[in-house]
Amino acid sequence: MAVCHFDTPGRYFGKGTSSCYWATYRDFTGKYGDLVSNDFTAGCLVIDVPASAKGFAVSGCGTLTR
């Protein structure tokens, strides 16, 4: 799973899959404290990416739309 620099906060929607993980990060030091929010879910999903997030990662979530 790659973490991407991200500059578009907002609400994202997806149909998801049977195994979806997403996370938002406030920094890229690799420390647990960098994590803003995350979830492991199946099926439809809504991800709120806050303005404080500098990075966003998804794995197995399918296509997301705003």
Protein backbone atom coordinates (compact mmCIF):
# COMPACT_ATOMS: atom_id res chain seq x y z
CA MET A 1 0.00 0.00 0.00
CA ALA A 2 1.45 3.33 -1.04
CA VAL A 3 0.79 6.51 0.89
CA CYS A 4 0.24 9.47 -1.39
CA HIS A 5 0.68 13.15 -0.64
CA PHE A 6 -2.79 14.55 -0.74
CA ASP A 7 -4.10 18.08 -1.03
CA THR A 8 -7.82 17.58 -1.69
CA PRO A 9 -9.72 17.08 1.56
CA GLY A 10 -13.39 16.17 1.48
CA ARG A 11 -15.81 13.25 1.43
CA TYR A 12 -15.10 10.26 -0.81
CA PHE A 13 -17.48 7.43 -1.68
CA GLY A 14 -16.86 3.92 -2.97
CA LYS A 15 -18.58 0.63 -3.58
CA GLY A 16 -15.72 -1.07 -1.81
CA THR A 17 -14.79 -4.70 -1.93
CA SER A 18 -14.79 -7.57 0.53
CA SER A 19 -11.47 -6.31 1.94
CA CYS A 20 -10.83 -2.54 2.01
CA TYR A 21 -8.36 -0.62 4.19
CA TRP A 22 -7.95 3.17 4.17
CA ALA A 23 -5.98 5.63 6.27
CA THR A 24 -5.28 9.36 6.46
CA TYR A 25 -1.98 10.74 7.79
CA ARG A 26 -0.91 14.07 9.28
CA ASP A 27 2.79 13.49 8.55
CA PHE A 28 5.17 10.93 7.04
CA THR A 29 7.54 10.06 9.89
CA GLY A 30 6.22 6.49 10.10
CA LYS A 31 5.12 6.93 13.71
CA TYR A 32 1.71 5.83 14.98
CA GLY A 33 0.91 9.42 15.90
CA ASP A 34 0.90 10.33 12.19
CA LEU A 35 -2.37 8.45 11.74
CA VAL A 36 -5.41 10.76 11.66
CA SER A 37 -8.04 8.10 10.94
CA ASN A 38 -8.34 4.64 9.42
CA ASP A 39 -10.72 1.73 8.94
CA PHE A 40 -10.86 -1.80 7.56
CA THR A 41 -14.25 -2.40 5.99
CA ALA A 42 -16.22 -4.37 3.42
CA GLY A 43 -18.85 -3.06 1.02
CA CYS A 44 -19.91 0.55 0.50
CA LEU A 45 -17.79 3.15 2.19
CA VAL A 46 -17.60 6.86 2.97
CA ILE A 47 -14.21 8.37 3.80
CA ASP A 48 -13.92 11.86 5.24
CA VAL A 49 -10.45 13.24 4.56
CA PRO A 50 -9.87 16.20 6.91
CA ALA A 51 -7.99 19.33 5.87
CA SER A 52 -5.28 18.38 8.40
CA ALA A 53 -4.40 15.24 6.41
CA LYS A 54 -1.20 15.40 4.37
CA GLY A 55 -1.47 11.84 3.11
CA PHE A 56 -4.10 9.29 2.17
CA ALA A 57 -3.77 5.56 1.51
CA VAL A 58 -6.21 2.94 0.28
CA SER A 59 -5.86 -0.75 -0.42
CA GLY A 60 -8.48 -2.95 -1.99
CA CYS A 61 -11.19 -0.27 -1.92
CA GLY A 62 -11.93 0.00 -5.63
CA THR A 63 -12.57 3.35 -7.28
CA LEU A 64 -13.40 6.33 -5.07
CA THR A 65 -15.36 9.39 -6.17
CA ARG A 66 -15.99 12.78 -4.54
